[in-house]
Amino acid sequence: MANSLLSLICVRATRGQFKKHIYSHVVKFQQLNFSTAQNLHNGGITFYDTASEAIHDIPDGSKLLVGGFGLCGIPENLIAALLKKNTKDLTLVSNNAGVDDFGLGLLLKQKQVKRMISSYVGENAEFERQFLSGELEVELTPQGTLAERIRAGGAGVPAFFTPTGYGTLIHKGGAPIKYNADGSIALASQAREVSLLTGDEAFSMCGNCVTFTKAF
């Protein structure tokens, strides 16, 4: 499963002494292994000279965690490399879907994205068109829940309970993930397990009724 989490949350660094404003190499985290205690200095990272080299082994159908918030801090050079490589059927986990002509919107426009797992998608007209016409799967996730799914997956926690979304379609199921071309729902979200917590448990969860959420 770790291989499916090849991430675009990458940083750049030099091989030798750090020089201000000079970033000549791409650092790619090879394996996550669901552990925040992994020793990255013991074979955990590899240095690449170009973004194209860093994404060369990402196959079609991969699930990618993409960093950034809005259009800030996004890995635009790595996105450009994926565009050039034309990697298809991607599942992208990101706060947003970019805009029509920048960020992840470029991958959408080139029809390289199968599913978006996001919390905010309101600034991309092409995203809206593809979703409503049945060309794109969308799994809307509350922003805090999305962040916790990523954190939990990296820490080796397979799932967790959260009061966020209780009483909504996220909890009850039926939220459209994919439409048919005629506007009917082709794929809907499933109902989630619910637990009633009491005492200190409920206080720590900030609510009595909570829903079960899987991590990545």
C-alpha atoms as a PDB file:
ATOM      1  CA  MET A   1       0.000   0.000   0.000  1.00  0.00           C
ATOM      2  CA  ALA A   2       2.926   2.303   0.616  1.00  0.00           C
ATOM      3  CA  ASN A   3       3.652   2.303  -3.107  1.00  0.00           C
ATOM      4  CA  SER A   4       0.177   3.698  -3.797  1.00  0.00           C
ATOM      5  CA  LEU A   5       1.032   6.651  -1.610  1.00  0.00           C
ATOM      6  CA  LEU A   6       3.871   7.966  -3.742  1.00  0.00           C
ATOM      7  CA  SER A   7       3.619  11.575  -2.827  1.00  0.00           C
ATOM      8  CA  LEU A   8       4.037  14.870  -4.559  1.00  0.00           C
ATOM      9  CA  ILE A   9       4.757  16.426  -1.180  1.00  0.00           C
ATOM     10  CA  CYS A  10       8.404  16.889  -2.139  1.00  0.00           C
ATOM     11  CA  VAL A  11      11.133  19.354  -1.263  1.00  0.00           C
ATOM     12  CA  ARG A  12      14.196  20.591  -3.088  1.00  0.00           C
ATOM     13  CA  ALA A  13      17.711  20.691  -1.750  1.00  0.00           C
ATOM     14  CA  THR A  14      21.341  20.811  -2.852  1.00  0.00           C
ATOM     15  CA  ARG A  15      23.675  17.827  -2.448  1.00  0.00           C
ATOM     16  CA  GLY A  16      26.263  19.802  -0.566  1.00  0.00           C
ATOM     17  CA  GLN A  17      26.162  22.998   1.409  1.00  0.00           C
ATOM     18  CA  PHE A  18      22.817  24.779   1.281  1.00  0.00           C
ATOM     19  CA  LYS A  19      22.920  27.965  -0.776  1.00  0.00           C
ATOM     20  CA  LYS A  20      20.243  30.544  -0.333  1.00  0.00           C
ATOM     21  CA  HIS A  21      17.796  30.763  -3.277  1.00  0.00           C
ATOM     22  CA  ILE A  22      19.611  27.974  -5.167  1.00  0.00           C
ATOM     23  CA  TYR A  23      17.664  24.678  -5.349  1.00  0.00           C
ATOM     24  CA  SER A  24      19.287  22.294  -7.808  1.00  0.00           C
ATOM     25  CA  HIS A  25      17.979  18.875  -6.834  1.00  0.00           C
ATOM     26  CA  VAL A  26      14.630  17.271  -6.162  1.00  0.00           C
ATOM     27  CA  VAL A  27      14.331  15.092  -3.070  1.00  0.00           C
ATOM     28  CA  LYS A  28      11.790  12.288  -3.287  1.00  0.00           C
ATOM     29  CA  PHE A  29      10.616  10.307  -0.278  1.00  0.00           C
ATOM     30  CA  GLN A  30      10.809   6.746  -1.583  1.00  0.00           C
ATOM     31  CA  GLN A  31       8.646   4.940   0.988  1.00  0.00           C
ATOM     32  CA  LEU A  32       6.331   6.104   3.725  1.00  0.00           C
ATOM     33  CA  ASN A  33       5.908   2.768   5.515  1.00  0.00           C
ATOM     34  CA  PHE A  34       3.216   4.361   7.705  1.00  0.00           C
ATOM     35  CA  SER A  35       5.679   5.524  10.312  1.00  0.00           C
ATOM     36  CA  THR A  36       6.657   8.982  11.450  1.00  0.00           C
ATOM     37  CA  ALA A  37       9.781   7.483  13.039  1.00  0.00           C
ATOM     38  CA  GLN A  38      11.367   6.255   9.811  1.00  0.00           C
ATOM     39  CA  ASN A  39      15.039   7.180   9.461  1.00  0.00           C
ATOM     40  CA  LEU A  40      15.071   9.173   6.222  1.00  0.00           C
ATOM     41  CA  HIS A  41      18.863   9.374   6.289  1.00  0.00           C
ATOM     42  CA  ASN A  42      19.171   5.608   6.031  1.00  0.00           C
ATOM     43  CA  GLY A  43      18.165   4.972   2.450  1.00  0.00           C
ATOM     44  CA  GLY A  44      14.784   6.647   2.797  1.00  0.00           C
ATOM     45  CA  ILE A  45      15.348   9.410   0.253  1.00  0.00           C
ATOM     46  CA  THR A  46      16.896   9.712  -3.190  1.00  0.00           C
ATOM     47  CA  PHE A  47      18.256  12.841  -4.871  1.00  0.00           C
ATOM     48  CA  TYR A  48      17.195  13.675  -8.450  1.00  0.00           C
ATOM     49  CA  ASP A  49      18.455  16.398 -10.734  1.00  0.00           C
ATOM     50  CA  THR A  50      15.108  17.053 -12.443  1.00  0.00           C
ATOM     51  CA  ALA A  51      11.405  16.798 -11.687  1.00  0.00           C
ATOM     52  CA  SER A  52      10.992  14.382 -14.597  1.00  0.00           C
ATOM     53  CA  GLU A  53      13.430  11.974 -12.974  1.00  0.00           C
ATOM     54  CA  ALA A  54      11.616  12.262  -9.646  1.00  0.00           C
ATOM     55  CA  ILE A  55       8.272  11.127 -11.107  1.00  0.00           C
ATOM     56  CA  HIS A  56       9.606   8.636 -13.674  1.00  0.00           C
ATOM     57  CA  ASP A  57       8.389   5.553 -11.760  1.00  0.00           C
ATOM     58  CA  ILE A  58       4.862   6.785 -10.953  1.00  0.00           C
ATOM     59  CA  PRO A  59       2.597   4.432 -12.940  1.00  0.00           C
ATOM     60  CA  ASP A  60      -0.897   4.964 -14.299  1.00  0.00           C
ATOM     61  CA  GLY A  61      -3.537   4.526 -11.614  1.00  0.00           C
ATOM     62  CA  SER A  62      -1.430   5.895  -8.744  1.00  0.00           C
ATOM     63  CA  LYS A  63      -2.802   7.712  -5.715  1.00  0.00           C
ATOM     64  CA  LEU A  64      -0.830  10.912  -5.119  1.00  0.00           C
ATOM     65  CA  LEU A  65      -0.869  13.186  -2.081  1.00  0.00           C
ATOM     66  CA  VAL A  66      -0.326  16.699  -3.408  1.00  0.00           C
ATOM     67  CA  GLY A  67       0.927  19.444  -1.128  1.00  0.00           C
ATOM     68  CA  GLY A  68      -0.079  23.093  -1.057  1.00  0.00           C
ATOM     69  CA  PHE A  69      -3.033  25.209  -0.003  1.00  0.00           C
ATOM     70  CA  GLY A  70      -5.011  26.851  -2.760  1.00  0.00           C
ATOM     71  CA  LEU A  71      -2.386  27.800  -5.327  1.00  0.00           C
ATOM     72  CA  CYS A  72       0.316  28.412  -2.717  1.00  0.00           C
ATOM     73  CA  GLY A  73       3.086  25.919  -2.074  1.00  0.00           C
ATOM     74  CA  ILE A  74       2.019  23.498  -4.789  1.00  0.00           C
ATOM     75  CA  PRO A  75       4.634  21.285  -6.529  1.00  0.00           C
ATOM     76  CA  GLU A  76       4.153  22.968  -9.917  1.00  0.00           C
ATOM     77  CA  ASN A  77       7.356  21.564 -11.468  1.00  0.00           C
ATOM     78  CA  LEU A  78       6.332  18.019 -10.544  1.00  0.00           C
ATOM     79  CA  ILE A  79       2.837  18.636 -11.916  1.00  0.00           C
ATOM     80  CA  ALA A  80       4.436  19.820 -15.164  1.00  0.00           C
ATOM     81  CA  ALA A  81       6.520  16.632 -15.261  1.00  0.00           C
ATOM     82  CA  LEU A  82       3.381  14.500 -14.863  1.00  0.00           C
ATOM     83  CA  LEU A  83       1.780  16.462 -17.695  1.00  0.00           C
ATOM     84  CA  LYS A  84       4.729  15.725 -19.941  1.00  0.00           C
ATOM     85  CA  LYS A  85       4.803  12.037 -18.971  1.00  0.00           C
ATOM     86  CA  ASN A  86       0.992  11.871 -19.451  1.00  0.00           C
ATOM     87  CA  THR A  87       0.450   9.595 -16.447  1.00  0.00           C
ATOM     88  CA  LYS A  88      -3.262   8.664 -16.430  1.00  0.00           C
ATOM     89  CA  ASP A  89      -6.071   7.446 -14.148  1.00  0.00           C
ATOM     90  CA  LEU A  90      -4.637   9.291 -11.159  1.00  0.00           C
ATOM     91  CA  THR A  91      -6.348   9.633  -7.805  1.00  0.00           C
ATOM     92  CA  LEU A  92      -5.281  12.986  -6.369  1.00  0.00           C
ATOM     93  CA  VAL A  93      -5.563  13.805  -2.679  1.00  0.00           C
ATOM     94  CA  SER A  94      -5.370  17.564  -2.228  1.00  0.00           C
ATOM     95  CA  ASN A  95      -7.040  20.465  -0.481  1.00  0.00           C
ATOM     96  CA  ASN A  96      -8.251  21.731  -3.867  1.00  0.00           C
ATOM     97  CA  ALA A  97      -8.247  21.023  -7.599  1.00  0.00           C
ATOM     98  CA  GLY A  98      -6.362  24.114  -8.703  1.00  0.00           C
ATOM     99  CA  VAL A  99      -7.844  26.417 -11.325  1.00  0.00           C
ATOM    100  CA  ASP A 100      -8.443  25.862 -15.035  1.00  0.00           C
ATOM    101  CA  ASP A 101      -5.002  26.949 -16.195  1.00  0.00           C
ATOM    102  CA  PHE A 102      -2.777  26.342 -13.162  1.00  0.00           C
ATOM    103  CA  GLY A 103      -1.990  23.715 -10.566  1.00  0.00           C
ATOM    104  CA  LEU A 104      -3.879  20.438 -10.620  1.00  0.00           C
ATOM    105  CA  GLY A 105      -6.320  21.990 -13.067  1.00  0.00           C
ATOM    106  CA  LEU A 106      -3.738  21.317 -15.784  1.00  0.00           C
ATOM    107  CA  LEU A 107      -3.883  17.572 -15.095  1.00  0.00           C
ATOM    108  CA  LEU A 108      -7.682  17.719 -15.126  1.00  0.00           C
ATOM    109  CA  LYS A 109      -7.721  19.528 -18.450  1.00  0.00           C
ATOM    110  CA  GLN A 110      -5.503  16.847 -19.977  1.00  0.00           C
ATOM    111  CA  LYS A 111      -7.859  14.090 -18.658  1.00  0.00           C
ATOM    112  CA  GLN A 112      -5.192  12.476 -16.468  1.00  0.00           C
ATOM    113  CA  VAL A 113      -7.297  12.420 -13.284  1.00  0.00           C
ATOM    114  CA  LYS A 114      -9.766   9.657 -12.431  1.00  0.00           C
ATOM    115  CA  ARG A 115     -10.735  10.752  -8.904  1.00  0.00           C
ATOM    116  CA  MET A 116     -10.247  13.824  -6.720  1.00  0.00           C
ATOM    117  CA  ILE A 117     -10.297  13.519  -2.908  1.00  0.00           C
ATOM    118  CA  SER A 118     -10.588  17.144  -1.804  1.00  0.00           C
ATOM    119  CA  SER A 119     -12.263  19.560   0.570  1.00  0.00           C
ATOM    120  CA  TYR A 120     -12.596  22.666  -1.624  1.00  0.00           C
ATOM    121  CA  VAL A 121     -13.121  22.603  -5.377  1.00  0.00           C
ATOM    122  CA  GLY A 122     -15.018  25.786  -6.112  1.00  0.00           C
ATOM    123  CA  GLU A 123     -12.599  27.633  -8.407  1.00  0.00           C
ATOM    124  CA  ASN A 124     -12.258  25.240 -11.329  1.00  0.00           C
ATOM    125  CA  ALA A 125     -14.859  25.330 -14.093  1.00  0.00           C
ATOM    126  CA  GLU A 126     -13.356  22.339 -15.908  1.00  0.00           C
ATOM    127  CA  PHE A 127     -13.554  20.334 -12.689  1.00  0.00           C
ATOM    128  CA  GLU A 128     -17.256  21.171 -12.413  1.00  0.00           C
ATOM    129  CA  ARG A 129     -17.900  20.258 -16.055  1.00  0.00           C
ATOM    130  CA  GLN A 130     -16.142  16.889 -15.803  1.00  0.00           C
ATOM    131  CA  PHE A 131     -17.839  15.979 -12.524  1.00  0.00           C
ATOM    132  CA  LEU A 132     -21.373  16.842 -13.636  1.00  0.00           C
ATOM    133  CA  SER A 133     -20.924  15.131 -17.014  1.00  0.00           C
ATOM    134  CA  GLY A 134     -19.716  11.875 -15.445  1.00  0.00           C
ATOM    135  CA  GLU A 135     -16.075  12.136 -16.521  1.00  0.00           C
ATOM    136  CA  LEU A 136     -14.593  12.549 -13.026  1.00  0.00           C
ATOM    137  CA  GLU A 137     -15.045  10.894  -9.631  1.00  0.00           C
ATOM    138  CA  VAL A 138     -15.084  13.241  -6.625  1.00  0.00           C
ATOM    139  CA  GLU A 139     -14.851  12.313  -2.952  1.00  0.00           C
ATOM    140  CA  LEU A 140     -15.571  15.466  -0.961  1.00  0.00           C
ATOM    141  CA  THR A 141     -14.022  15.331   2.522  1.00  0.00           C
ATOM    142  CA  PRO A 142     -14.164  17.980   5.275  1.00  0.00           C
ATOM    143  CA  GLN A 143     -10.832  19.771   5.381  1.00  0.00           C
ATOM    144  CA  GLY A 144      -9.878  18.813   8.926  1.00  0.00           C
ATOM    145  CA  THR A 145     -10.905  15.209   8.306  1.00  0.00           C
ATOM    146  CA  LEU A 146      -8.816  15.176   5.133  1.00  0.00           C
ATOM    147  CA  ALA A 147      -5.750  16.402   7.040  1.00  0.00           C
ATOM    148  CA  GLU A 148      -6.307  13.789   9.760  1.00  0.00           C
ATOM    149  CA  ARG A 149      -6.699  10.979   7.208  1.00  0.00           C
ATOM    150  CA  ILE A 150      -3.284  11.883   5.814  1.00  0.00           C
ATOM    151  CA  ARG A 151      -1.692  12.209   9.270  1.00  0.00           C
ATOM    152  CA  ALA A 152      -3.248   8.971  10.521  1.00  0.00           C
ATOM    153  CA  GLY A 153      -2.153   7.035   7.452  1.00  0.00           C
ATOM    154  CA  GLY A 154       1.422   8.253   7.838  1.00  0.00           C
ATOM    155  CA  ALA A 155       1.423   7.330  11.538  1.00  0.00           C
ATOM    156  CA  GLY A 156       0.100   3.824  10.939  1.00  0.00           C
ATOM    157  CA  VAL A 157      -3.430   4.498  12.248  1.00  0.00           C
ATOM    158  CA  PRO A 158      -5.847   2.712   9.872  1.00  0.00           C
ATOM    159  CA  ALA A 159      -9.011   4.616  10.847  1.00  0.00           C
ATOM    160  CA  PHE A 160     -10.539   6.949  13.423  1.00  0.00           C
ATOM    161  CA  PHE A 161     -13.836   8.358  14.696  1.00  0.00           C
ATOM    162  CA  THR A 162     -14.798  12.002  14.181  1.00  0.00           C
ATOM    163  CA  PRO A 163     -17.973  13.996  14.888  1.00  0.00           C
ATOM    164  CA  THR A 164     -17.405  16.038  11.726  1.00  0.00           C
ATOM    165  CA  GLY A 165     -20.071  15.299   9.144  1.00  0.00           C
ATOM    166  CA  TYR A 166     -22.380  13.454  11.531  1.00  0.00           C
ATOM    167  CA  GLY A 167     -25.982  13.668  10.335  1.00  0.00           C
ATOM    168  CA  THR A 168     -24.946  14.608   6.784  1.00  0.00           C
ATOM    169  CA  LEU A 169     -24.537  12.529   3.627  1.00  0.00           C
ATOM    170  CA  ILE A 170     -20.944  11.873   4.691  1.00  0.00           C
ATOM    171  CA  HIS A 171     -22.369   9.914   7.612  1.00  0.00           C
ATOM    172  CA  LYS A 172     -25.551   8.537   6.047  1.00  0.00           C
ATOM    173  CA  GLY A 173     -24.167   7.781   2.599  1.00  0.00           C
ATOM    174  CA  GLY A 174     -25.611   8.726  -0.764  1.00  0.00           C
ATOM    175  CA  ALA A 175     -23.296  11.622  -1.631  1.00  0.00           C
ATOM    176  CA  PRO A 176     -22.620  11.475  -5.393  1.00  0.00           C
ATOM    177  CA  ILE A 177     -19.082  10.379  -6.244  1.00  0.00           C
ATOM    178  CA  LYS A 178     -19.712   9.924  -9.959  1.00  0.00           C
ATOM    179  CA  TYR A 179     -22.605  10.886 -12.238  1.00  0.00           C
ATOM    180  CA  ASN A 180     -23.865   9.262 -15.404  1.00  0.00           C
ATOM    181  CA  ALA A 181     -23.927  11.363 -18.555  1.00  0.00           C
ATOM    182  CA  ASP A 182     -27.698  11.862 -18.098  1.00  0.00           C
ATOM    183  CA  GLY A 183     -27.217  13.371 -14.637  1.00  0.00           C
ATOM    184  CA  SER A 184     -28.237  10.321 -12.610  1.00  0.00           C
ATOM    185  CA  ILE A 185     -25.883   9.050  -9.901  1.00  0.00           C
ATOM    186  CA  ALA A 186     -23.576   6.272 -11.072  1.00  0.00           C
ATOM    187  CA  LEU A 187     -21.632   5.880  -7.810  1.00  0.00           C
ATOM    188  CA  ALA A 188     -22.603   7.136  -4.350  1.00  0.00           C
ATOM    189  CA  SER A 189     -20.799   7.139  -1.021  1.00  0.00           C
ATOM    190  CA  GLN A 190     -21.594   4.401   1.470  1.00  0.00           C
ATOM    191  CA  ALA A 191     -22.994   4.876   4.962  1.00  0.00           C
ATOM    192  CA  ARG A 192     -20.400   4.900   7.727  1.00  0.00           C
ATOM    193  CA  GLU A 193     -20.228   3.077  11.016  1.00  0.00           C
ATOM    194  CA  VAL A 194     -21.513   5.167  13.934  1.00  0.00           C
ATOM    195  CA  SER A 195     -20.600   4.985  17.608  1.00  0.00           C
ATOM    196  CA  LEU A 196     -22.112   6.695  20.647  1.00  0.00           C
ATOM    197  CA  LEU A 197     -19.402   7.779  23.054  1.00  0.00           C
ATOM    198  CA  THR A 198     -19.966   8.877  26.649  1.00  0.00           C
ATOM    199  CA  GLY A 199     -17.990  10.454  29.466  1.00  0.00           C
ATOM    200  CA  ASP A 200     -14.387  11.425  28.869  1.00  0.00           C
ATOM    201  CA  GLU A 201     -14.411   9.781  25.429  1.00  0.00           C
ATOM    202  CA  ALA A 202     -17.221  12.025  24.245  1.00  0.00           C
ATOM    203  CA  PHE A 203     -15.550  15.117  25.681  1.00  0.00           C
ATOM    204  CA  SER A 204     -12.305  14.358  23.885  1.00  0.00           C
ATOM    205  CA  MET A 205     -14.152  13.875  20.603  1.00  0.00           C
ATOM    206  CA  CYS A 206     -16.139  17.132  21.045  1.00  0.00           C
ATOM    207  CA  GLY A 207     -19.450  15.353  20.497  1.00  0.00           C
ATOM    208  CA  ASN A 208     -21.395  12.230  21.452  1.00  0.00           C
ATOM    209  CA  CYS A 209     -22.156  10.693  18.051  1.00  0.00           C
ATOM    210  CA  VAL A 210     -19.171  10.059  15.814  1.00  0.00           C
ATOM    211  CA  THR A 211     -18.599   8.440  12.438  1.00  0.00           C
ATOM    212  CA  PHE A 212     -15.874   5.990  11.441  1.00  0.00           C
ATOM    213  CA  THR A 213     -13.381   7.314   8.881  1.00  0.00           C
ATOM    214  CA  LYS A 214     -10.644   5.351   7.119  1.00  0.00           C
ATOM    215  CA  ALA A 215      -7.184   6.824   6.765  1.00  0.00           C
ATOM    216  CA  PHE A 216      -5.122   6.652   3.566  1.00  0.00           C
END
